[in-house]
Structures are given as C-alpha cells and as structure tokens.
Amino acid sequence: MSSFRAFLNSPVGPKTTHFWGPAANFGFVVAGLADVKKPADKISGKMTAVLCVYSLSGMRFGYMVRPRNYLLMGCHAANETVQLYLLSRWAMGTRKSVNHSNE
C-alpha cells in the first residue's frame, strides 16, 4: 500500500500533468492505429510527417524535463512507431501510383 501511496504523491503521479498529459497523448497512438486499416492513398503524408517530428521532439522533451517523464517518452515512442509505419505505407502508395501513371 505504501508503494501505491508513494506513486499517488510522486512528482509524476496521477495528481500531476506529468501523468495526464501523456495519458491523453495516447489518443494519437489510437488514432494512428485506426489509420492502419485505411488505404494508403487516404493517408496524409504531410500530416504524418508532422506527427513524426512532433513525437521526436516530445520524446526529447520527456527525457530532458525534470523529473524525467518516462510515460511521455513511451507515449511518443509508440506514436513515432505508428506514424513511421503510416509514412512508409503512404510513400509506397505514392510510388506505386507514380509508377502506374508512367506506364
């Protein structure tokens, strides 16, 4: 029980924005996972690239802020993974559509 109480009152516990900010950011991961089922031509390359940059900077911020926010780093690492996958699908779809139009 004392470890749970220590977590509740810690500087990154659920009484702080260090907890709820990353928890809310997992919405980006869920949205990205929902986009995995979309056809590649429906994925926005620009927005996906922006989300990749956002997640990279978010991971760095989560590491540099004091106290270190590993939940924020994990959330952005998960989002970076999903967004890079979507970006690769978009790039492959764009390349295929360019190759088909040249034939």
C-alpha atoms as a PDB file:
ATOM      1  CA  MET A   1       0.000   0.000   0.000  1.00  0.00           C
ATOM      2  CA  SER A   2       2.857   2.377   0.744  1.00  0.00           C
ATOM      3  CA  SER A   3       4.258   1.996  -2.797  1.00  0.00           C
ATOM      4  CA  PHE A   4       0.843   2.894  -4.223  1.00  0.00           C
ATOM      5  CA  ARG A   5       0.651   5.927  -1.933  1.00  0.00           C
ATOM      6  CA  ALA A   6       4.169   6.907  -2.998  1.00  0.00           C
ATOM      7  CA  PHE A   7       3.080   6.674  -6.658  1.00  0.00           C
ATOM      8  CA  LEU A   8      -0.005   8.811  -5.980  1.00  0.00           C
ATOM      9  CA  ASN A   9       2.080  11.536  -4.369  1.00  0.00           C
ATOM     10  CA  SER A  10       5.111  11.340  -6.663  1.00  0.00           C
ATOM     11  CA  PRO A  11       6.111  14.286  -8.899  1.00  0.00           C
ATOM     12  CA  VAL A  12       4.944  12.310 -11.962  1.00  0.00           C
ATOM     13  CA  GLY A  13       1.929  10.632 -10.369  1.00  0.00           C
ATOM     14  CA  PRO A  14      -1.734  10.888 -11.310  1.00  0.00           C
ATOM     15  CA  LYS A  15      -2.182  14.124  -9.383  1.00  0.00           C
ATOM     16  CA  THR A  16       0.003  15.947 -11.920  1.00  0.00           C
ATOM     17  CA  THR A  17       0.024  16.902 -15.594  1.00  0.00           C
ATOM     18  CA  HIS A  18       3.144  14.731 -15.933  1.00  0.00           C
ATOM     19  CA  PHE A  19       0.715  11.801 -15.820  1.00  0.00           C
ATOM     20  CA  TRP A  20      -2.427  13.081 -17.539  1.00  0.00           C
ATOM     21  CA  GLY A  21      -0.652  14.786 -20.445  1.00  0.00           C
ATOM     22  CA  PRO A  22       0.930  11.557 -21.710  1.00  0.00           C
ATOM     23  CA  ALA A  23      -2.236   9.617 -20.946  1.00  0.00           C
ATOM     24  CA  ALA A  24      -4.155  11.969 -23.244  1.00  0.00           C
ATOM     25  CA  ASN A  25      -1.397  11.795 -25.876  1.00  0.00           C
ATOM     26  CA  PHE A  26      -2.034   8.075 -26.250  1.00  0.00           C
ATOM     27  CA  GLY A  27      -5.070   9.244 -28.251  1.00  0.00           C
ATOM     28  CA  PHE A  28      -2.652   9.970 -31.116  1.00  0.00           C
ATOM     29  CA  VAL A  29      -1.451   6.377 -30.958  1.00  0.00           C
ATOM     30  CA  VAL A  30      -5.006   5.044 -31.031  1.00  0.00           C
ATOM     31  CA  ALA A  31      -5.882   7.300 -33.975  1.00  0.00           C
ATOM     32  CA  GLY A  32      -2.760   6.163 -35.824  1.00  0.00           C
ATOM     33  CA  LEU A  33      -3.627   2.525 -35.224  1.00  0.00           C
ATOM     34  CA  ALA A  34      -7.105   3.199 -36.623  1.00  0.00           C
ATOM     35  CA  ASP A  35      -5.476   4.678 -39.746  1.00  0.00           C
ATOM     36  CA  VAL A  36      -3.557   1.440 -40.354  1.00  0.00           C
ATOM     37  CA  LYS A  37      -6.718  -0.003 -41.902  1.00  0.00           C
ATOM     38  CA  LYS A  38      -7.107   2.929 -44.313  1.00  0.00           C
ATOM     39  CA  PRO A  39      -5.980   2.633 -47.918  1.00  0.00           C
ATOM     40  CA  ALA A  40      -2.556   4.194 -48.493  1.00  0.00           C
ATOM     41  CA  ASP A  41      -4.000   6.914 -50.750  1.00  0.00           C
ATOM     42  CA  LYS A  42      -6.156   8.176 -47.846  1.00  0.00           C
ATOM     43  CA  ILE A  43      -3.130   8.813 -45.596  1.00  0.00           C
ATOM     44  CA  SER A  44      -1.900  12.406 -45.455  1.00  0.00           C
ATOM     45  CA  GLY A  45       1.854  12.376 -45.979  1.00  0.00           C
ATOM     46  CA  LYS A  46       2.319  15.928 -44.691  1.00  0.00           C
ATOM     47  CA  MET A  47       0.333  15.378 -41.514  1.00  0.00           C
ATOM     48  CA  THR A  48       2.022  12.064 -40.829  1.00  0.00           C
ATOM     49  CA  ALA A  49       5.451  13.683 -41.280  1.00  0.00           C
ATOM     50  CA  VAL A  50       4.459  16.483 -38.892  1.00  0.00           C
ATOM     51  CA  LEU A  51       3.348  13.917 -36.301  1.00  0.00           C
ATOM     52  CA  CYS A  52       6.718  12.142 -36.680  1.00  0.00           C
ATOM     53  CA  VAL A  53       8.588  15.377 -35.931  1.00  0.00           C
ATOM     54  CA  TYR A  54       6.187  16.156 -33.074  1.00  0.00           C
ATOM     55  CA  SER A  55       6.776  12.763 -31.488  1.00  0.00           C
ATOM     56  CA  LEU A  56      10.550  13.015 -31.837  1.00  0.00           C
ATOM     57  CA  SER A  57      10.530  16.371 -30.085  1.00  0.00           C
ATOM     58  CA  GLY A  58       8.083  15.004 -27.487  1.00  0.00           C
ATOM     59  CA  MET A  59      10.415  12.102 -26.714  1.00  0.00           C
ATOM     60  CA  ARG A  60      13.320  14.502 -26.237  1.00  0.00           C
ATOM     61  CA  PHE A  61      11.229  16.749 -24.007  1.00  0.00           C
ATOM     62  CA  GLY A  62      10.094  13.772 -21.900  1.00  0.00           C
ATOM     63  CA  TYR A  63      13.738  12.858 -21.356  1.00  0.00           C
ATOM     64  CA  MET A  64      15.052  16.365 -20.674  1.00  0.00           C
ATOM     65  CA  VAL A  65      12.304  17.619 -18.340  1.00  0.00           C
ATOM     66  CA  ARG A  66      12.887  17.202 -14.611  1.00  0.00           C
ATOM     67  CA  PRO A  67      11.673  14.895 -13.217  1.00  0.00           C
ATOM     68  CA  ARG A  68      12.137  12.664 -16.251  1.00  0.00           C
ATOM     69  CA  ASN A  69       8.807  11.691 -17.699  1.00  0.00           C
ATOM     70  CA  TYR A  70       9.175   8.140 -18.982  1.00  0.00           C
ATOM     71  CA  LEU A  71       5.440   7.844 -19.590  1.00  0.00           C
ATOM     72  CA  LEU A  72       5.648  10.792 -22.001  1.00  0.00           C
ATOM     73  CA  MET A  73       8.673   9.259 -23.703  1.00  0.00           C
ATOM     74  CA  GLY A  74       6.877   5.931 -24.081  1.00  0.00           C
ATOM     75  CA  CYS A  75       3.750   7.555 -25.445  1.00  0.00           C
ATOM     76  CA  HIS A  76       5.713   9.468 -28.072  1.00  0.00           C
ATOM     77  CA  ALA A  77       7.854   6.429 -28.919  1.00  0.00           C
ATOM     78  CA  ALA A  78       4.674   4.440 -29.582  1.00  0.00           C
ATOM     79  CA  ASN A  79       3.276   7.267 -31.699  1.00  0.00           C
ATOM     80  CA  GLU A  80       6.569   7.605 -33.597  1.00  0.00           C
ATOM     81  CA  THR A  81       6.469   3.897 -34.423  1.00  0.00           C
ATOM     82  CA  VAL A  82       2.888   4.043 -35.700  1.00  0.00           C
ATOM     83  CA  GLN A  83       3.464   7.249 -37.670  1.00  0.00           C
ATOM     84  CA  LEU A  84       6.639   5.929 -39.312  1.00  0.00           C
ATOM     85  CA  TYR A  85       4.729   2.847 -40.395  1.00  0.00           C
ATOM     86  CA  LEU A  86       1.951   5.019 -41.839  1.00  0.00           C
ATOM     87  CA  LEU A  87       4.512   7.254 -43.549  1.00  0.00           C
ATOM     88  CA  SER A  88       6.130   4.221 -45.164  1.00  0.00           C
ATOM     89  CA  ARG A  89       2.727   2.995 -46.374  1.00  0.00           C
ATOM     90  CA  TRP A  90       1.967   6.439 -47.800  1.00  0.00           C
ATOM     91  CA  ALA A  91       5.365   6.598 -49.541  1.00  0.00           C
ATOM     92  CA  MET A  92       4.943   3.125 -51.022  1.00  0.00           C
ATOM     93  CA  GLY A  93       1.430   4.002 -52.195  1.00  0.00           C
ATOM     94  CA  THR A  94       2.644   7.252 -53.734  1.00  0.00           C
ATOM     95  CA  ARG A  95       5.485   5.473 -55.514  1.00  0.00           C
ATOM     96  CA  LYS A  96       3.142   2.823 -56.887  1.00  0.00           C
ATOM     97  CA  SER A  97       0.678   5.406 -58.170  1.00  0.00           C
ATOM     98  CA  VAL A  98       3.516   7.350 -59.872  1.00  0.00           C
ATOM     99  CA  ASN A  99       4.841   4.167 -61.494  1.00  0.00           C
ATOM    100  CA  HIS A 100       1.366   3.228 -62.770  1.00  0.00           C
ATOM    101  CA  SER A 101       0.812   6.683 -64.251  1.00  0.00           C
ATOM    102  CA  ASN A 102       4.131   6.481 -66.166  1.00  0.00           C
ATOM    103  CA  GLU A 103       3.171   3.217 -67.885  1.00  0.00           C
END
